[in-house]
PDB file of N, CA and C in Angstrom:
ATOM      1  N   MET A   1     119.543  73.724  92.350  1.00  0.00           N
ATOM      2  CA  MET A   1     119.929  72.566  93.134  1.00  0.00           C
ATOM      3  C   MET A   1     119.051  71.382  92.732  1.00  0.00           C
ATOM      4  N   ASN A   2     119.659  70.260  92.592  1.00  0.00           N
ATOM      5  CA  ASN A   2     118.956  69.030  92.232  1.00  0.00           C
ATOM      6  C   ASN A   2     118.100  68.576  93.417  1.00  0.00           C
ATOM      7  N   PRO A   3     116.787  68.330  93.229  1.00  0.00           N
ATOM      8  CA  PRO A   3     115.920  67.936  94.343  1.00  0.00           C
ATOM      9  C   PRO A   3     116.353  66.636  95.009  1.00  0.00           C
ATOM     10  N   ILE A   4     117.011  65.782  94.278  1.00  0.00           N
ATOM     11  CA  ILE A   4     117.428  64.504  94.852  1.00  0.00           C
ATOM     12  C   ILE A   4     118.597  64.686  95.818  1.00  0.00           C
ATOM     13  N   THR A   5     119.445  65.674  95.570  1.00  0.00           N
ATOM     14  CA  THR A   5     120.617  65.874  96.411  1.00  0.00           C
ATOM     15  C   THR A   5     120.459  67.055  97.358  1.00  0.00           C
ATOM     16  N   GLN A   6     119.224  67.452  97.659  1.00  0.00           N
ATOM     17  CA  GLN A   6     119.002  68.540  98.599  1.00  0.00           C
ATOM     18  C   GLN A   6     119.570  68.163  99.955  1.00  0.00           C
ATOM     19  N   ASN A   7     119.877  69.180 100.736  1.00  0.00           N
ATOM     20  CA  ASN A   7     120.407  68.969 102.077  1.00  0.00           C
ATOM     21  C   ASN A   7     119.375  68.231 102.921  1.00  0.00           C
ATOM     22  N   THR A   8     119.693  67.014 103.306  1.00  0.00           N
ATOM     23  CA  THR A   8     118.790  66.241 104.166  1.00  0.00           C
ATOM     24  C   THR A   8     119.324  66.304 105.587  1.00  0.00           C
ATOM     25  N   GLU A   9     118.450  66.665 106.508  1.00  0.00           N
ATOM     26  CA  GLU A   9     118.861  66.786 107.892  1.00  0.00           C
ATOM     27  C   GLU A   9     118.904  65.413 108.547  1.00  0.00           C
ATOM     28  N   ASP A  10     119.726  65.333 109.558  1.00  0.00           N
ATOM     29  CA  ASP A  10     119.785  64.104 110.328  1.00  0.00           C
ATOM     30  C   ASP A  10     118.461  63.897 111.043  1.00  0.00           C
ATOM     31  N   VAL A  11     117.986  62.674 111.027  1.00  0.00           N
ATOM     32  CA  VAL A  11     116.758  62.323 111.728  1.00  0.00           C
ATOM     33  C   VAL A  11     117.151  61.858 113.122  1.00  0.00           C
ATOM     34  N   LEU A  12     116.517  62.449 114.120  1.00  0.00           N
ATOM     35  CA  LEU A  12     116.788  62.115 115.511  1.00  0.00           C
ATOM     36  C   LEU A  12     115.860  61.004 115.981  1.00  0.00           C
ATOM     37  N   GLU A  13     116.062  60.579 117.204  1.00  0.00           N
ATOM     38  CA  GLU A  13     115.190  59.562 117.783  1.00  0.00           C
ATOM     39  C   GLU A  13     113.754  60.064 117.766  1.00  0.00           C
ATOM     40  N   GLY A  14     112.844  59.210 117.352  1.00  0.00           N
ATOM     41  CA  GLY A  14     111.450  59.587 117.256  1.00  0.00           C
ATOM     42  C   GLY A  14     111.081  60.144 115.898  1.00  0.00           C
ATOM     43  N   SER A  15     111.974  59.977 114.942  1.00  0.00           N
ATOM     44  CA  SER A  15     111.727  60.399 113.557  1.00  0.00           C
ATOM     45  C   SER A  15     111.465  61.900 113.428  1.00  0.00           C
ATOM     46  N   ILE A  16     112.166  62.696 114.237  1.00  0.00           N
ATOM     47  CA  ILE A  16     112.080  64.145 114.091  1.00  0.00           C
ATOM     48  C   ILE A  16     113.436  64.661 113.623  1.00  0.00           C
ATOM     49  N   THR A  17     113.462  65.876 113.143  1.00  0.00           N
ATOM     50  CA  THR A  17     114.732  66.469 112.706  1.00  0.00           C
ATOM     51  C   THR A  17     115.254  67.405 113.788  1.00  0.00           C
ATOM     52  N   GLN A  18     116.526  67.720 113.684  1.00  0.00           N
ATOM     53  CA  GLN A  18     117.125  68.669 114.625  1.00  0.00           C
ATOM     54  C   GLN A  18     116.441  70.028 114.500  1.00  0.00           C
ATOM     55  N   ALA A  19     116.057  70.392 113.287  1.00  0.00           N
ATOM     56  CA  ALA A  19     115.364  71.668 113.071  1.00  0.00           C
ATOM     57  C   ALA A  19     114.025  71.694 113.812  1.00  0.00           C
ATOM     58  N   GLN A  20     113.282  70.575 113.780  1.00  0.00           N
ATOM     59  CA  GLN A  20     112.015  70.497 114.511  1.00  0.00           C
ATOM     60  C   GLN A  20     112.256  70.677 116.002  1.00  0.00           C
ATOM     61  N   LEU A  21     113.257  69.967 116.518  1.00  0.00           N
ATOM     62  CA  LEU A  21     113.573  70.054 117.943  1.00  0.00           C
ATOM     63  C   LEU A  21     113.961  71.480 118.318  1.00  0.00           C
ATOM     64  N   ASN A  22     114.793  72.113 117.511  1.00  0.00           N
ATOM     65  CA  ASN A  22     115.195  73.495 117.782  1.00  0.00           C
ATOM     66  C   ASN A  22     113.995  74.435 117.773  1.00  0.00           C
ATOM     67  N   GLN A  23     113.094  74.220 116.840  1.00  0.00           N
ATOM     68  CA  GLN A  23     111.896  75.051 116.739  1.00  0.00           C
ATOM     69  C   GLN A  23     111.015  74.879 117.979  1.00  0.00           C
ATOM     70  N   TRP A  24     110.834  73.642 118.418  1.00  0.00           N
ATOM     71  CA  TRP A  24     110.044  73.383 119.620  1.00  0.00           C
ATOM     72  C   TRP A  24     110.682  74.036 120.839  1.00  0.00           C
ATOM     73  N   LYS A  25     112.007  73.914 120.964  1.00  0.00           N
ATOM     74  CA  LYS A  25     112.701  74.508 122.104  1.00  0.00           C
ATOM     75  C   LYS A  25     112.559  76.027 122.096  1.00  0.00           C
ATOM     76  N   PHE A  26     112.639  76.617 120.931  1.00  0.00           N
ATOM     77  CA  PHE A  26     112.493  78.066 120.823  1.00  0.00           C
ATOM     78  C   PHE A  26     111.083  78.495 121.223  1.00  0.00           C
ATOM     79  N   LYS A  27     110.097  77.767 120.748  1.00  0.00           N
ATOM     80  CA  LYS A  27     108.695  78.127 121.001  1.00  0.00           C
ATOM     81  C   LYS A  27     108.253  77.822 122.430  1.00  0.00           C
ATOM     82  N   HIS A  28     108.677  76.667 122.970  1.00  0.00           N
ATOM     83  CA  HIS A  28     108.164  76.200 124.263  1.00  0.00           C
ATOM     84  C   HIS A  28     109.199  76.266 125.384  1.00  0.00           C
ATOM     85  N   ARG A  29     110.401  76.647 125.089  1.00  0.00           N
ATOM     86  CA  ARG A  29     111.535  76.752 126.009  1.00  0.00           C
ATOM     87  C   ARG A  29     112.041  75.399 126.495  1.00  0.00           C
ATOM     88  N   LYS A  30     111.167  74.558 126.970  1.00  0.00           N
ATOM     89  CA  LYS A  30     111.591  73.236 127.444  1.00  0.00           C
ATOM     90  C   LYS A  30     110.827  72.165 126.690  1.00  0.00           C
ATOM     91  N   VAL A  31     111.551  71.142 126.287  1.00  0.00           N
ATOM     92  CA  VAL A  31     110.954  69.989 125.617  1.00  0.00           C
ATOM     93  C   VAL A  31     111.381  68.755 126.408  1.00  0.00           C
ATOM     94  N   VAL A  32     110.421  67.885 126.669  1.00  0.00           N
ATOM     95  CA  VAL A  32     110.679  66.656 127.417  1.00  0.00           C
ATOM     96  C   VAL A  32     110.626  65.487 126.442  1.00  0.00           C
ATOM     97  N   LYS A  33     111.690  64.675 126.429  1.00  0.00           N
ATOM     98  CA  LYS A  33     111.732  63.485 125.575  1.00  0.00           C
ATOM     99  C   LYS A  33     111.527  62.260 126.457  1.00  0.00           C
ATOM    100  N   LEU A  34     110.577  61.426 126.058  1.00  0.00           N
ATOM    101  CA  LEU A  34     110.315  60.189 126.775  1.00  0.00           C
ATOM    102  C   LEU A  34     110.509  59.021 125.823  1.00  0.00           C
ATOM    103  N   SER A  35     110.879  57.889 126.372  1.00  0.00           N
ATOM    104  CA  SER A  35     111.023  56.689 125.546  1.00  0.00           C
ATOM    105  C   SER A  35     110.258  55.545 126.190  1.00  0.00           C
ATOM    106  N   ILE A  36     109.821  54.639 125.323  1.00  0.00           N
ATOM    107  CA  ILE A  36     109.070  53.465 125.762  1.00  0.00           C
ATOM    108  C   ILE A  36     109.429  52.317 124.830  1.00  0.00           C
ATOM    109  N   THR A  37     109.447  51.121 125.364  1.00  0.00           N
ATOM    110  CA  THR A  37     109.733  49.941 124.555  1.00  0.00           C
ATOM    111  C   THR A  37     108.424  49.230 124.250  1.00  0.00           C
ATOM    112  N   ASP A  38     108.183  48.961 122.965  1.00  0.00           N
ATOM    113  CA  ASP A  38     106.940  48.277 122.581  1.00  0.00           C
ATOM    114  C   ASP A  38     107.098  46.772 122.742  1.00  0.00           C
ATOM    115  N   ASP A  39     106.054  46.033 122.395  1.00  0.00           N
ATOM    116  CA  ASP A  39     106.057  44.575 122.558  1.00  0.00           C
ATOM    117  C   ASP A  39     107.118  43.879 121.713  1.00  0.00           C
ATOM    118  N   ASP A  40     107.543  44.522 120.634  1.00  0.00           N
ATOM    119  CA  ASP A  40     108.562  43.954 119.758  1.00  0.00           C
ATOM    120  C   ASP A  40     109.975  44.239 120.237  1.00  0.00           C
ATOM    121  N   GLY A  41     110.110  45.003 121.318  1.00  0.00           N
ATOM    122  CA  GLY A  41     111.424  45.364 121.834  1.00  0.00           C
ATOM    123  C   GLY A  41     112.004  46.618 121.190  1.00  0.00           C
ATOM    124  N   THR A  42     111.212  47.294 120.378  1.00  0.00           N
ATOM    125  CA  THR A  42     111.658  48.519 119.727  1.00  0.00           C
ATOM    126  C   THR A  42     111.464  49.703 120.672  1.00  0.00           C
ATOM    127  N   THR A  43     112.480  50.537 120.802  1.00  0.00           N
ATOM    128  CA  THR A  43     112.361  51.731 121.621  1.00  0.00           C
ATOM    129  C   THR A  43     111.756  52.846 120.786  1.00  0.00           C
ATOM    130  N   LEU A  44     110.686  53.430 121.311  1.00  0.00           N
ATOM    131  CA  LEU A  44     109.977  54.514 120.644  1.00  0.00           C
ATOM    132  C   LEU A  44     110.136  55.786 121.467  1.00  0.00           C
ATOM    133  N   PHE A  45     110.076  56.927 120.794  1.00  0.00           N
ATOM    134  CA  PHE A  45     110.301  58.200 121.463  1.00  0.00           C
ATOM    135  C   PHE A  45     109.146  59.162 121.221  1.00  0.00           C
ATOM    136  N   ALA A  46     108.867  59.975 122.232  1.00  0.00           N
ATOM    137  CA  ALA A  46     107.823  61.001 122.144  1.00  0.00           C
ATOM    138  C   ALA A  46     108.360  62.278 122.773  1.00  0.00           C
ATOM    139  N   TYR A  47     107.946  63.402 122.214  1.00  0.00           N
ATOM    140  CA  TYR A  47     108.379  64.707 122.696  1.00  0.00           C
ATOM    141  C   TYR A  47     107.163  65.495 123.151  1.00  0.00           C
ATOM    142  N   PHE A  48     107.276  66.083 124.335  1.00  0.00           N
ATOM    143  CA  PHE A  48     106.192  66.845 124.941  1.00  0.00           C
ATOM    144  C   PHE A  48     106.689  68.216 125.364  1.00  0.00           C
ATOM    145  N   ARG A  49     105.751  69.152 125.403  1.00  0.00           N
ATOM    146  CA  ARG A  49     106.024  70.446 126.014  1.00  0.00           C
ATOM    147  C   ARG A  49     105.346  70.450 127.371  1.00  0.00           C
ATOM    148  N   LYS A  50     105.866  71.248 128.276  1.00  0.00           N
ATOM    149  CA  LYS A  50     105.235  71.329 129.594  1.00  0.00           C
ATOM    150  C   LYS A  50     103.911  72.082 129.468  1.00  0.00           C
ATOM    151  N   PRO A  51     102.898  71.645 130.200  1.00  0.00           N
ATOM    152  CA  PRO A  51     101.587  72.301 130.100  1.00  0.00           C
ATOM    153  C   PRO A  51     101.583  73.656 130.809  1.00  0.00           C
ATOM    154  N   ASP A  52     100.838  74.588 130.250  1.00  0.00           N
ATOM    155  CA  ASP A  52     100.647  75.864 130.933  1.00  0.00           C
ATOM    156  C   ASP A  52      99.450  75.720 131.870  1.00  0.00           C
ATOM    157  N   ILE A  53      99.100  76.802 132.533  1.00  0.00           N
ATOM    158  CA  ILE A  53      98.044  76.736 133.546  1.00  0.00           C
ATOM    159  C   ILE A  53      96.680  76.394 132.945  1.00  0.00           C
ATOM    160  N   SER A  54      96.417  76.839 131.717  1.00  0.00           N
ATOM    161  CA  SER A  54      95.116  76.524 131.110  1.00  0.00           C
ATOM    162  C   SER A  54      95.010  75.036 130.764  1.00  0.00           C
ATOM    163  N   ILE A  55      96.091  74.449 130.325  1.00  0.00           N
ATOM    164  CA  ILE A  55      96.087  73.007 130.043  1.00  0.00           C
ATOM    165  C   ILE A  55      95.955  72.231 131.345  1.00  0.00           C
ATOM    166  N   ARG A  56      96.683  72.657 132.365  1.00  0.00           N
ATOM    167  CA  ARG A  56      96.575  71.986 133.670  1.00  0.00           C
ATOM    168  C   ARG A  56      95.135  72.053 134.188  1.00  0.00           C
ATOM    169  N   SER A  57      94.502  73.179 133.992  1.00  0.00           N
ATOM    170  CA  SER A  57      93.111  73.336 134.415  1.00  0.00           C
ATOM    171  C   SER A  57      92.187  72.379 133.656  1.00  0.00           C
ATOM    172  N   ALA A  58      92.389  72.279 132.340  1.00  0.00           N
ATOM    173  CA  ALA A  58      91.567  71.366 131.530  1.00  0.00           C
ATOM    174  C   ALA A  58      91.783  69.915 131.943  1.00  0.00           C
ATOM    175  N   VAL A  59      93.022  69.558 132.246  1.00  0.00           N
ATOM    176  CA  VAL A  59      93.326  68.192 132.697  1.00  0.00           C
ATOM    177  C   VAL A  59      92.656  67.924 134.038  1.00  0.00           C
ATOM    178  N   LEU A  60      92.726  68.887 134.930  1.00  0.00           N
ATOM    179  CA  LEU A  60      92.092  68.735 136.243  1.00  0.00           C
ATOM    180  C   LEU A  60      90.585  68.572 136.117  1.00  0.00           C
ATOM    181  N   GLN A  61      89.957  69.381 135.281  1.00  0.00           N
ATOM    182  CA  GLN A  61      88.513  69.269 135.071  1.00  0.00           C
ATOM    183  C   GLN A  61      88.143  67.902 134.492  1.00  0.00           C
ATOM    184  N   ALA A  62      88.904  67.450 133.509  1.00  0.00           N
ATOM    185  CA  ALA A  62      88.627  66.144 132.898  1.00  0.00           C
ATOM    186  C   ALA A  62      88.830  65.009 133.901  1.00  0.00           C
ATOM    187  N   SER A  63      89.825  65.165 134.783  1.00  0.00           N
ATOM    188  CA  SER A  63      90.122  64.087 135.745  1.00  0.00           C
ATOM    189  C   SER A  63      89.004  63.895 136.757  1.00  0.00           C
ATOM    190  N   LYS A  64      88.172  64.904 136.949  1.00  0.00           N
ATOM    191  CA  LYS A  64      87.052  64.778 137.889  1.00  0.00           C
ATOM    192  C   LYS A  64      86.001  63.804 137.370  1.00  0.00           C
ATOM    193  N   MET A  65      85.962  63.638 136.049  1.00  0.00           N
ATOM    194  CA  MET A  65      84.982  62.731 135.460  1.00  0.00           C
ATOM    195  C   MET A  65      85.614  61.423 135.000  1.00  0.00           C
ATOM    196  N   ASP A  66      86.818  61.490 134.459  1.00  0.00           N
ATOM    197  CA  ASP A  66      87.422  60.302 133.861  1.00  0.00           C
ATOM    198  C   ASP A  66      88.935  60.509 133.762  1.00  0.00           C
ATOM    199  N   GLU A  67      89.701  59.703 134.484  1.00  0.00           N
ATOM    200  CA  GLU A  67      91.156  59.879 134.493  1.00  0.00           C
ATOM    201  C   GLU A  67      91.789  59.572 133.137  1.00  0.00           C
ATOM    202  N   PHE A  68      91.212  58.641 132.391  1.00  0.00           N
ATOM    203  CA  PHE A  68      91.741  58.360 131.056  1.00  0.00           C
ATOM    204  C   PHE A  68      91.503  59.551 130.129  1.00  0.00           C
ATOM    205  N   LYS A  69      90.379  60.192 130.276  1.00  0.00           N
ATOM    206  CA  LYS A  69      90.078  61.389 129.490  1.00  0.00           C
ATOM    207  C   LYS A  69      91.074  62.498 129.829  1.00  0.00           C
ATOM    208  N   ALA A  70      91.423  62.606 131.093  1.00  0.00           N
ATOM    209  CA  ALA A  70      92.399  63.614 131.515  1.00  0.00           C
ATOM    210  C   ALA A  70      93.758  63.369 130.856  1.00  0.00           C
ATOM    211  N   LEU A  71      94.163  62.113 130.784  1.00  0.00           N
ATOM    212  CA  LEU A  71      95.433  61.793 130.114  1.00  0.00           C
ATOM    213  C   LEU A  71      95.360  62.104 128.628  1.00  0.00           C
ATOM    214  N   GLU A  72      94.208  61.879 128.032  1.00  0.00           N
ATOM    215  CA  GLU A  72      94.024  62.187 126.611  1.00  0.00           C
ATOM    216  C   GLU A  72      94.103  63.700 126.372  1.00  0.00           C
ATOM    217  N   VAL A  73      93.512  64.475 127.272  1.00  0.00           N
ATOM    218  CA  VAL A  73      93.596  65.941 127.174  1.00  0.00           C
ATOM    219  C   VAL A  73      95.056  66.379 127.280  1.00  0.00           C
ATOM    220  N   LEU A  74      95.782  65.794 128.210  1.00  0.00           N
ATOM    221  CA  LEU A  74      97.198  66.116 128.376  1.00  0.00           C
ATOM    222  C   LEU A  74      97.985  65.766 127.120  1.00  0.00           C
ATOM    223  N   PHE A  75      97.738  64.575 126.567  1.00  0.00           N
ATOM    224  CA  PHE A  75      98.445  64.142 125.363  1.00  0.00           C
ATOM    225  C   PHE A  75      98.155  65.084 124.193  1.00  0.00           C
ATOM    226  N   LYS A  76      96.883  65.341 123.956  1.00  0.00           N
ATOM    227  CA  LYS A  76      96.496  66.165 122.800  1.00  0.00           C
ATOM    228  C   LYS A  76      97.060  67.580 122.875  1.00  0.00           C
ATOM    229  N   ASN A  77      97.237  68.102 124.084  1.00  0.00           N
ATOM    230  CA  ASN A  77      97.673  69.479 124.234  1.00  0.00           C
ATOM    231  C   ASN A  77      99.183  69.649 124.417  1.00  0.00           C
ATOM    232  N   CYS A  78      99.880  68.590 124.767  1.00  0.00           N
ATOM    233  CA  CYS A  78     101.313  68.726 125.049  1.00  0.00           C
ATOM    234  C   CYS A  78     102.214  67.901 124.133  1.00  0.00           C
ATOM    235  N   TYR A  79     101.674  66.917 123.450  1.00  0.00           N
ATOM    236  CA  TYR A  79     102.467  66.080 122.561  1.00  0.00           C
ATOM    237  C   TYR A  79     102.914  66.898 121.355  1.00  0.00           C
ATOM    238  N   LEU A  80     104.211  66.896 121.101  1.00  0.00           N
ATOM    239  CA  LEU A  80     104.761  67.640 119.976  1.00  0.00           C
ATOM    240  C   LEU A  80     105.033  66.741 118.779  1.00  0.00           C
ATOM    241  N   GLY A  81     105.496  65.538 119.030  1.00  0.00           N
ATOM    242  CA  GLY A  81     105.805  64.624 117.936  1.00  0.00           C
ATOM    243  C   GLY A  81     106.613  63.447 118.438  1.00  0.00           C
ATOM    244  N   GLY A  82     106.963  62.586 117.510  1.00  0.00           N
ATOM    245  CA  GLY A  82     107.724  61.392 117.847  1.00  0.00           C
ATOM    246  C   GLY A  82     107.316  60.255 116.946  1.00  0.00           C
ATOM    247  N   ASP A  83     107.563  59.046 117.419  1.00  0.00           N
ATOM    248  CA  ASP A  83     107.229  57.867 116.628  1.00  0.00           C
ATOM    249  C   ASP A  83     105.712  57.728 116.494  1.00  0.00           C
ATOM    250  N   ALA A  84     105.252  57.547 115.271  1.00  0.00           N
ATOM    251  CA  ALA A  84     103.815  57.490 114.969  1.00  0.00           C
ATOM    252  C   ALA A  84     103.110  56.356 115.698  1.00  0.00           C
ATOM    253  N   LYS A  85     103.821  55.292 115.993  1.00  0.00           N
ATOM    254  CA  LYS A  85     103.204  54.136 116.653  1.00  0.00           C
ATOM    255  C   LYS A  85     102.624  54.519 118.021  1.00  0.00           C
ATOM    256  N   ILE A  86     103.218  55.508 118.668  1.00  0.00           N
ATOM    257  CA  ILE A  86     102.727  55.960 119.973  1.00  0.00           C
ATOM    258  C   ILE A  86     101.341  56.587 119.824  1.00  0.00           C
ATOM    259  N   GLU A  87     101.135  57.332 118.759  1.00  0.00           N
ATOM    260  CA  GLU A  87      99.830  57.945 118.519  1.00  0.00           C
ATOM    261  C   GLU A  87      98.787  56.907 118.125  1.00  0.00           C
ATOM    262  N   GLN A  88      99.216  55.840 117.488  1.00  0.00           N
ATOM    263  CA  GLN A  88      98.301  54.849 116.934  1.00  0.00           C
ATOM    264  C   GLN A  88      97.853  53.793 117.936  1.00  0.00           C
ATOM    265  N   GLU A  89      98.695  53.484 118.913  1.00  0.00           N
ATOM    266  CA  GLU A  89      98.379  52.402 119.847  1.00  0.00           C
ATOM    267  C   GLU A  89      98.035  52.952 121.220  1.00  0.00           C
ATOM    268  N   ASP A  90      96.831  52.649 121.660  1.00  0.00           N
ATOM    269  CA  ASP A  90      96.317  53.187 122.918  1.00  0.00           C
ATOM    270  C   ASP A  90      97.204  52.865 124.113  1.00  0.00           C
ATOM    271  N   ASP A  91      97.690  51.623 124.209  1.00  0.00           N
ATOM    272  CA  ASP A  91      98.469  51.247 125.388  1.00  0.00           C
ATOM    273  C   ASP A  91      99.792  52.012 125.451  1.00  0.00           C
ATOM    274  N   LEU A  92     100.442  52.219 124.315  1.00  0.00           N
ATOM    275  CA  LEU A  92     101.685  52.993 124.290  1.00  0.00           C
ATOM    276  C   LEU A  92     101.414  54.447 124.658  1.00  0.00           C
ATOM    277  N   ARG A  93     100.366  55.009 124.069  1.00  0.00           N
ATOM    278  CA  ARG A  93     100.013  56.410 124.341  1.00  0.00           C
ATOM    279  C   ARG A  93      99.665  56.582 125.821  1.00  0.00           C
ATOM    280  N   LEU A  94      98.904  55.655 126.377  1.00  0.00           N
ATOM    281  CA  LEU A  94      98.511  55.728 127.778  1.00  0.00           C
ATOM    282  C   LEU A  94      99.729  55.643 128.699  1.00  0.00           C
ATOM    283  N   ASN A  95     100.606  54.693 128.434  1.00  0.00           N
ATOM    284  CA  ASN A  95     101.780  54.515 129.289  1.00  0.00           C
ATOM    285  C   ASN A  95     102.722  55.714 129.235  1.00  0.00           C
ATOM    286  N   ILE A  96     102.965  56.218 128.045  1.00  0.00           N
ATOM    287  CA  ILE A  96     103.915  57.327 127.934  1.00  0.00           C
ATOM    288  C   ILE A  96     103.311  58.614 128.495  1.00  0.00           C
ATOM    289  N   THR A  97     102.009  58.809 128.323  1.00  0.00           N
ATOM    290  CA  THR A  97     101.360  60.008 128.866  1.00  0.00           C
ATOM    291  C   THR A  97     101.294  59.940 130.385  1.00  0.00           C
ATOM    292  N   THR A  98     101.096  58.754 130.934  1.00  0.00           N
ATOM    293  CA  THR A  98     101.104  58.585 132.390  1.00  0.00           C
ATOM    294  C   THR A  98     102.473  58.952 132.952  1.00  0.00           C
ATOM    295  N   SER A  99     103.525  58.496 132.300  1.00  0.00           N
ATOM    296  CA  SER A  99     104.884  58.836 132.754  1.00  0.00           C
ATOM    297  C   SER A  99     105.130  60.336 132.654  1.00  0.00           C
ATOM    298  N   PHE A 100     104.657  60.946 131.568  1.00  0.00           N
ATOM    299  CA  PHE A 100     104.807  62.390 131.416  1.00  0.00           C
ATOM    300  C   PHE A 100     104.042  63.118 132.517  1.00  0.00           C
ATOM    301  N   SER A 101     102.846  62.657 132.809  1.00  0.00           N
ATOM    302  CA  SER A 101     102.033  63.257 133.869  1.00  0.00           C
ATOM    303  C   SER A 101     102.752  63.181 135.213  1.00  0.00           C
ATOM    304  N   ASP A 102     103.359  62.045 135.500  1.00  0.00           N
ATOM    305  CA  ASP A 102     104.115  61.891 136.750  1.00  0.00           C
ATOM    306  C   ASP A 102     105.279  62.878 136.800  1.00  0.00           C
ATOM    307  N   HIS A 103     105.920  63.089 135.657  1.00  0.00           N
ATOM    308  CA  HIS A 103     107.078  63.987 135.577  1.00  0.00           C
ATOM    309  C   HIS A 103     106.699  65.442 135.864  1.00  0.00           C
ATOM    310  N   ILE A 104     105.519  65.854 135.457  1.00  0.00           N
ATOM    311  CA  ILE A 104     105.133  67.262 135.592  1.00  0.00           C
ATOM    312  C   ILE A 104     104.363  67.559 136.867  1.00  0.00           C
ATOM    313  N   GLN A 105     104.252  66.588 137.753  1.00  0.00           N
ATOM    314  CA  GLN A 105     103.551  66.825 139.016  1.00  0.00           C
ATOM    315  C   GLN A 105     104.284  67.912 139.807  1.00  0.00           C
ATOM    316  N   PRO A 106     103.548  68.655 140.630  1.00  0.00           N
ATOM    317  CA  PRO A 106     104.188  69.702 141.423  1.00  0.00           C
ATOM    318  C   PRO A 106     105.332  69.145 142.265  1.00  0.00           C
ATOM    319  N   LYS A 107     106.365  69.929 142.351  1.00  0.00           N
ATOM    320  CA  LYS A 107     107.540  69.540 143.130  1.00  0.00           C
ATOM    321  C   LYS A 107     107.310  69.896 144.603  1.00  0.00           C
ATOM    322  N   PRO A 108     107.922  69.143 145.509  1.00  0.00           N
ATOM    323  CA  PRO A 108     107.767  69.451 146.934  1.00  0.00           C
ATOM    324  C   PRO A 108     108.322  70.851 147.245  1.00  0.00           C
ATOM    325  N   VAL A 109     107.641  71.534 148.109  1.00  0.00           N
ATOM    326  CA  VAL A 109     108.043  72.866 148.521  1.00  0.00           C
ATOM    327  C   VAL A 109     108.366  72.838 150.012  1.00  0.00           C
ATOM    328  N   LYS A 110     109.458  73.424 150.353  1.00  0.00           N
ATOM    329  CA  LYS A 110     109.817  73.504 151.770  1.00  0.00           C
ATOM    330  C   LYS A 110     109.181  74.764 152.330  1.00  0.00           C
ATOM    331  N   ILE A 111     108.451  74.595 153.413  1.00  0.00           N
ATOM    332  CA  ILE A 111     107.775  75.722 154.065  1.00  0.00           C
ATOM    333  C   ILE A 111     108.385  75.922 155.432  1.00  0.00           C
ATOM    334  N   GLU A 112     108.677  77.167 155.718  1.00  0.00           N
ATOM    335  CA  GLU A 112     109.263  77.498 157.003  1.00  0.00           C
ATOM    336  C   GLU A 112     108.538  78.722 157.555  1.00  0.00           C
ATOM    337  N   VAL A 113     107.952  78.569 158.719  1.00  0.00           N
ATOM    338  CA  VAL A 113     107.257  79.682 159.358  1.00  0.00           C
ATOM    339  C   VAL A 113     108.279  80.402 160.212  1.00  0.00           C
ATOM    340  N   LEU A 114     108.393  81.716 160.015  1.00  0.00           N
ATOM    341  CA  LEU A 114     109.374  82.515 160.775  1.00  0.00           C
ATOM    342  C   LEU A 114     108.709  83.385 161.802  1.00  0.00           C
TER     343      LEU A 114
END
């Protein structure tokens, strides 16, 4: 097969391939896609996996000293991929990780005493 005409996969939002997304879904079961608009009006995408209990514990420990550090721990451990600009710019990374953190907060539980 000619290397120039090899099968090229469609690139999805966030500059990832369908194969990457499928692999992440297989490995992590659930993948969360977030989008953010930068100062230029460009929509950027990031993909995260939900944190397990050990990651949640590390985030909680970090948050006791520094909430920004806690968001960085969350980003480093759950970010799967996406537009490189999100990794490079602190404000984009902070905003998208904050939104992801809000998304994964514990859900309300209904309690009924019988």
